[in-house]
Amino acid sequence: MTQQTVHFIYDPCKQPDADFAADLIAVLGQAPAHSAQNIVTIGGDGTLLHALHHAQGKRVLGLVPPGSNSRGFWTNRNIDNPAALCTVLTAARSYPIKPLQVDITFADGTTTMRQAYNDVSIRPVAQAASAGLKASYNLPAEDISIQSALLNLRVEFAKAVLGPHRIMGGGLVFATPLGSTAMNKSYGGPSADIRNEVIVMTGIGISEPPGGFNSVVNRDDTRFTIEVLSREKRPVIISFDSFGLIANAAGSPVSSIKIHAAQSGAVNLVLTDDPGTRAYSSMAP
């Protein structure tokens, strides 16, 4: 039916997804992930996001199974049989999706790197309240400490450097155009067409600078450096596409983070309609 090879990704514990996958595999086969030309996910945006991390250089198509009530922003609907899927794989356009690279340094000087196709966030993390704090405020034994994040932000443009500027509050979100409809949007950030090469930065409950600041849509060659201040008192968690880090294996907390567009890891997202409409999908009934 098609000369294109396909590897299907789905959650076998979700019966509608598994049944639909079985119907498609029965006709199209299940090519090995490493050699398949196309990765097809069955489910919602979470399944699609998982697949992006294992699909460098490939075409990726997200499908919502027939009858599903999923509101996935980047998955496709009305593809309910193998012939329809083959038509889409042959005719539909694909759009390059570049991840963000996150370089993390811990207090002991060790480093690690992660990538995020959706977003990267820096947020406060709860920790046990110290004995002195419990005594000062007469806290019950089970109460914990949750402090605002205290950060220094430095922004590097092609021909200028801004900061470092001190920021206090609930944290920061850095989103790709793909991820602009997710956490970024929930904190008031703008949605972006995935054809735009941008990085959206949005603050979360910012108290310093007073009054906070508006979200900023940056060119994707912009680089961000975030230093964590008072990290023993105000530790943070770095999240990247639903996973995160608080400390390294030795227990050393996050000290600084550098975020920029990655130079590798791009995938090609297949959509059946104009991607610009997805940025407005929250207006749909």
Protein backbone atom coordinates (compact mmCIF):
# COMPACT_ATOMS: atom_id res chain seq x y z
CA MET A 1 0.00 0.00 0.00
CA THR A 2 2.99 2.26 0.58
CA GLN A 3 6.71 1.95 0.18
CA GLN A 4 7.31 4.06 3.29
CA THR A 5 8.27 2.14 6.41
CA VAL A 6 6.50 2.93 9.67
CA HIS A 7 7.21 2.30 13.34
CA PHE A 8 4.19 2.73 15.63
CA ILE A 9 4.45 3.97 19.22
CA TYR A 10 1.46 3.63 21.57
CA ASP A 11 0.54 2.76 25.15
CA PRO A 12 -0.47 -0.92 25.25
CA CYS A 13 -2.31 -0.26 28.53
CA LYS A 14 -4.78 2.05 26.74
CA GLN A 15 -7.11 -0.33 24.94
CA PRO A 16 -8.43 2.07 22.24
CA ASP A 17 -4.87 3.05 21.31
CA ALA A 18 -3.65 -0.55 21.30
CA ASP A 19 -6.62 -1.77 19.21
CA PHE A 20 -6.15 0.98 16.61
CA ALA A 21 -2.40 0.28 16.49
CA ALA A 22 -3.07 -3.43 15.92
CA ASP A 23 -5.36 -2.62 12.98
CA LEU A 24 -2.71 -0.43 11.35
CA ILE A 25 0.19 -2.81 12.03
CA ALA A 26 -1.77 -5.71 10.55
CA VAL A 27 -1.72 -3.93 7.17
CA LEU A 28 1.39 -1.74 7.26
CA GLY A 29 3.66 -3.81 9.47
CA GLN A 30 5.87 -2.67 12.35
CA ALA A 31 9.30 -1.57 11.08
CA PRO A 32 12.18 -1.33 13.58
CA ALA A 33 12.37 2.17 15.06
CA HIS A 34 15.99 2.70 14.01
CA SER A 35 15.34 2.00 10.33
CA ALA A 36 11.77 3.26 9.86
CA GLN A 37 11.30 6.36 7.72
CA ASN A 38 8.26 7.42 9.74
CA ILE A 39 7.39 7.27 13.42
CA VAL A 40 3.60 7.25 14.00
CA THR A 41 2.29 7.74 17.52
CA ILE A 42 -1.21 6.76 18.60
CA GLY A 43 -2.53 8.74 21.55
CA GLY A 44 -2.18 12.32 22.70
CA ASP A 45 0.54 14.93 22.87
CA GLY A 46 2.35 13.05 25.65
CA THR A 47 2.93 10.03 23.44
CA LEU A 48 4.00 12.29 20.58
CA LEU A 49 6.45 14.16 22.82
CA HIS A 50 8.00 10.89 23.98
CA ALA A 51 8.49 9.83 20.36
CA LEU A 52 10.24 13.07 19.38
CA HIS A 53 13.12 12.18 21.71
CA HIS A 54 13.74 8.97 19.73
CA ALA A 55 13.17 10.21 16.18
CA GLN A 56 16.14 12.38 15.22
CA GLY A 57 16.12 12.99 11.47
CA LYS A 58 12.81 11.17 10.95
CA ARG A 59 9.25 12.20 10.11
CA VAL A 60 6.87 11.94 13.07
CA LEU A 61 3.08 11.87 12.82
CA GLY A 62 0.78 11.89 15.83
CA LEU A 63 -2.64 10.23 15.52
CA VAL A 64 -5.65 10.49 17.80
CA PRO A 65 -7.51 7.16 17.65
CA PRO A 66 -11.08 7.22 16.35
CA GLY A 67 -13.58 8.21 19.03
CA SER A 68 -10.96 9.67 21.35
CA ASN A 69 -11.75 12.85 23.30
CA SER A 70 -8.08 13.87 23.44
CA ARG A 71 -7.48 17.57 22.79
CA GLY A 72 -3.89 17.12 21.66
CA PHE A 73 -2.56 20.29 20.05
CA TRP A 74 -0.13 18.54 17.70
CA THR A 75 -1.81 15.22 16.97
CA ASN A 76 -3.94 14.63 13.87
CA ARG A 77 -7.56 13.51 13.66
CA ASN A 78 -9.81 11.84 11.10
CA ILE A 79 -7.22 9.27 10.02
CA ASP A 80 -9.06 6.06 10.81
CA ASN A 81 -7.68 3.36 8.51
CA PRO A 82 -4.41 2.25 6.87
CA ALA A 83 -5.26 3.74 3.48
CA ALA A 84 -5.92 7.16 4.99
CA LEU A 85 -2.64 6.99 6.90
CA CYS A 86 -0.71 6.11 3.74
CA THR A 87 -2.27 9.06 1.93
CA VAL A 88 -1.23 11.43 4.70
CA LEU A 89 2.32 10.07 4.87
CA THR A 90 2.64 10.59 1.12
CA ALA A 91 0.96 13.98 0.76
CA ALA A 92 1.08 15.89 4.04
CA ARG A 93 3.80 18.44 4.76
CA SER A 94 6.28 18.12 7.57
CA TYR A 95 7.83 20.90 9.63
CA PRO A 96 11.27 20.87 11.30
CA ILE A 97 11.18 20.91 15.10
CA LYS A 98 14.42 21.83 16.89
CA PRO A 99 14.84 21.07 20.59
CA LEU A 100 16.26 23.32 23.25
CA GLN A 101 19.58 22.29 24.77
CA VAL A 102 19.88 22.58 28.54
CA ASP A 103 23.40 22.61 30.02
CA ILE A 104 23.17 22.12 33.78
CA THR A 105 25.98 22.77 36.27
CA PHE A 106 25.75 21.49 39.84
CA ALA A 107 27.24 23.08 42.94
CA ASP A 108 30.11 20.56 43.00
CA GLY A 109 31.15 21.61 39.47
CA THR A 110 29.85 18.56 37.62
CA THR A 111 27.72 19.07 34.51
CA THR A 112 25.08 17.33 32.44
CA MET A 113 23.04 18.08 29.33
CA ARG A 114 19.41 17.50 28.37
CA GLN A 115 17.19 18.38 25.41
CA ALA A 116 13.58 19.54 25.37
CA TYR A 117 11.23 19.69 22.40
CA ASN A 118 8.44 21.33 24.41
CA ASP A 119 9.82 23.46 27.20
CA VAL A 120 12.30 23.94 30.02
CA SER A 121 11.19 25.33 33.35
CA ILE A 122 13.04 26.46 36.47
CA ARG A 123 10.85 26.34 39.57
CA PRO A 124 11.21 26.21 43.36
CA VAL A 125 11.31 22.81 45.02
CA ALA A 126 10.07 21.98 48.50
CA GLN A 127 12.51 20.82 51.15
CA ALA A 128 12.49 19.95 54.82
CA ALA A 129 12.24 22.98 57.08
CA SER A 130 15.34 23.52 59.21
CA ALA A 131 15.19 23.12 62.96
CA GLY A 132 15.79 26.86 63.35
CA LEU A 133 12.93 27.72 61.01
CA LYS A 134 10.57 25.36 62.80
CA ALA A 135 11.53 26.87 66.14
CA SER A 136 11.19 30.47 64.93
CA TYR A 137 7.71 29.94 63.51
CA ASN A 138 6.58 27.16 65.88
CA LEU A 139 5.93 24.92 62.86
CA PRO A 140 4.40 21.45 63.19
CA ALA A 141 6.89 18.65 62.57
CA GLU A 142 5.31 17.69 59.23
CA ASP A 143 5.50 21.19 57.68
CA ILE A 144 8.02 21.78 54.90
CA SER A 145 9.72 24.86 53.44
CA ILE A 146 8.79 26.26 50.03
CA GLN A 147 10.73 29.39 49.10
CA SER A 148 10.50 31.52 45.97
CA ALA A 149 13.21 30.94 43.41
CA LEU A 150 15.96 33.58 43.38
CA LEU A 151 17.78 33.78 40.06
CA ASN A 152 20.20 35.88 38.05
CA LEU A 153 19.25 35.97 34.36
CA ARG A 154 21.71 36.83 31.60
CA VAL A 155 20.53 37.03 27.98
CA GLU A 156 22.98 36.97 25.06
CA PHE A 157 21.84 38.26 21.67
CA ALA A 158 23.84 38.27 18.44
CA LYS A 159 25.31 41.71 19.16
CA ALA A 160 24.36 42.52 22.75
CA VAL A 161 24.25 41.13 26.29
CA LEU A 162 21.52 41.89 28.83
CA GLY A 163 21.97 41.44 32.56
CA PRO A 164 22.50 39.66 34.77
CA HIS A 165 19.13 40.73 36.21
CA ARG A 166 17.83 39.48 39.54
CA ILE A 167 14.50 37.61 39.39
CA MET A 168 12.43 36.29 42.30
CA GLY A 169 9.21 34.34 42.08
CA GLY A 170 7.75 31.06 40.96
CA GLY A 171 10.31 30.59 38.22
CA LEU A 172 10.76 30.81 34.46
CA VAL A 173 9.55 28.84 31.43
CA PHE A 174 11.46 28.66 28.14
CA ALA A 175 9.36 27.21 25.34
CA THR A 176 9.89 26.17 21.75
CA PRO A 177 7.10 27.07 19.29
CA LEU A 178 5.85 23.49 19.71
CA GLY A 179 5.79 23.89 23.49
CA SER A 180 4.34 27.40 23.46
CA THR A 181 0.83 25.88 23.63
CA ALA A 182 1.65 23.93 26.80
CA MET A 183 3.04 25.15 30.15
CA ASN A 184 4.01 28.50 28.64
CA LYS A 185 0.40 29.16 27.62
CA SER A 186 -0.93 28.15 31.04
CA TYR A 187 1.19 30.91 32.61
CA GLY A 188 -0.03 33.55 30.17
CA GLY A 189 2.66 33.22 27.50
CA PRO A 190 1.85 33.58 23.78
CA SER A 191 1.30 30.66 21.42
CA ALA A 192 3.60 30.57 18.39
CA ASP A 193 3.32 29.10 14.92
CA ILE A 194 5.85 26.23 14.73
CA ARG A 195 7.25 27.72 11.50
CA ASN A 196 8.69 30.57 13.59
CA GLU A 197 12.21 30.00 14.88
CA VAL A 198 11.80 31.48 18.35
CA ILE A 199 12.23 30.78 22.05
CA VAL A 200 9.46 32.13 24.30
CA MET A 201 10.42 33.14 27.85
CA THR A 202 7.59 33.52 30.41
CA GLY A 203 7.77 34.34 34.10
CA ILE A 204 5.81 32.46 36.77
CA GLY A 205 4.46 34.58 39.63
CA ILE A 206 7.33 37.06 39.47
CA SER A 207 7.64 39.38 42.49
CA GLU A 208 11.01 40.89 41.56
CA PRO A 209 11.28 42.97 39.48
CA PRO A 210 8.15 44.50 41.05
CA GLY A 211 5.14 43.92 38.84
CA GLY A 212 6.85 41.11 36.96
CA PHE A 213 7.45 41.33 33.22
CA ASN A 214 5.73 40.38 30.00
CA SER A 215 6.61 37.22 28.13
CA VAL A 216 9.37 37.75 25.59
CA VAL A 217 9.53 36.11 22.15
CA ASN A 218 13.22 35.74 21.30
CA ARG A 219 15.06 34.71 18.15
CA ASP A 220 16.24 31.14 18.41
CA ASP A 221 19.89 32.19 18.36
CA THR A 222 19.38 33.87 21.76
CA ARG A 223 21.24 32.26 24.67
CA PHE A 224 20.16 32.32 28.30
CA THR A 225 22.26 31.79 31.43
CA ILE A 226 20.49 31.41 34.76
CA GLU A 227 22.39 31.39 38.05
CA VAL A 228 20.60 29.96 41.09
CA LEU A 229 21.12 32.23 44.10
CA SER A 230 20.87 31.01 47.74
CA ARG A 231 20.55 27.48 46.38
CA GLU A 232 20.74 25.83 49.83
CA LYS A 233 17.77 27.89 51.06
CA ARG A 234 16.03 28.17 47.68
CA PRO A 235 16.72 25.01 45.65
CA VAL A 236 15.12 24.65 42.22
CA ILE A 237 13.98 21.86 39.94
CA ILE A 238 14.84 21.98 36.25
CA SER A 239 12.12 20.29 34.19
CA PHE A 240 12.48 19.31 30.55
CA ASP A 241 9.57 17.70 28.71
CA SER A 242 7.93 16.21 31.84
CA PHE A 243 11.19 15.03 33.43
CA GLY A 244 13.42 16.93 35.83
CA LEU A 245 16.51 17.30 37.98
CA ILE A 246 16.93 18.72 41.47
CA ALA A 247 20.46 17.48 42.16
CA ASN A 248 23.05 15.12 40.71
CA ALA A 249 23.62 11.56 41.87
CA ALA A 250 25.87 12.83 44.69
CA GLY A 251 23.12 15.12 45.98
CA SER A 252 24.72 18.37 44.81
CA PRO A 253 22.00 20.91 43.86
CA VAL A 254 21.61 22.74 40.57
CA SER A 255 23.86 25.82 40.47
CA SER A 256 23.39 27.26 36.98
CA ILE A 257 21.62 26.54 33.71
CA LYS A 258 22.37 27.52 30.13
CA ILE A 259 19.58 27.27 27.55
CA HIS A 260 19.83 27.68 23.79
CA ALA A 261 18.60 26.09 20.56
CA ALA A 262 20.25 22.71 20.02
CA GLN A 263 22.39 22.13 16.95
CA SER A 264 21.29 18.47 16.68
CA GLY A 265 18.21 16.39 17.33
CA ALA A 266 15.80 18.03 14.86
CA VAL A 267 12.78 15.99 13.78
CA ASN A 268 10.11 16.61 11.13
CA LEU A 269 6.55 16.85 12.45
CA VAL A 270 3.84 15.83 9.97
CA LEU A 271 0.58 17.81 10.12
CA THR A 272 -2.52 17.45 8.01
CA ASP A 273 -3.48 21.14 8.25
CA ASP A 274 -1.76 24.51 8.36
CA PRO A 275 0.27 24.64 11.58
CA GLY A 276 -0.76 28.23 12.18
CA THR A 277 -4.25 27.03 13.10
CA ARG A 278 -2.86 25.03 16.02
CA ALA A 279 -1.80 28.21 17.83
CA TYR A 280 -5.50 29.17 17.88
CA SER A 281 -6.82 25.74 18.80
CA SER A 282 -7.83 26.82 22.31
CA MET A 283 -10.55 28.95 20.68
CA ALA A 284 -12.15 25.86 19.16
CA PRO A 285 -15.27 24.53 20.91
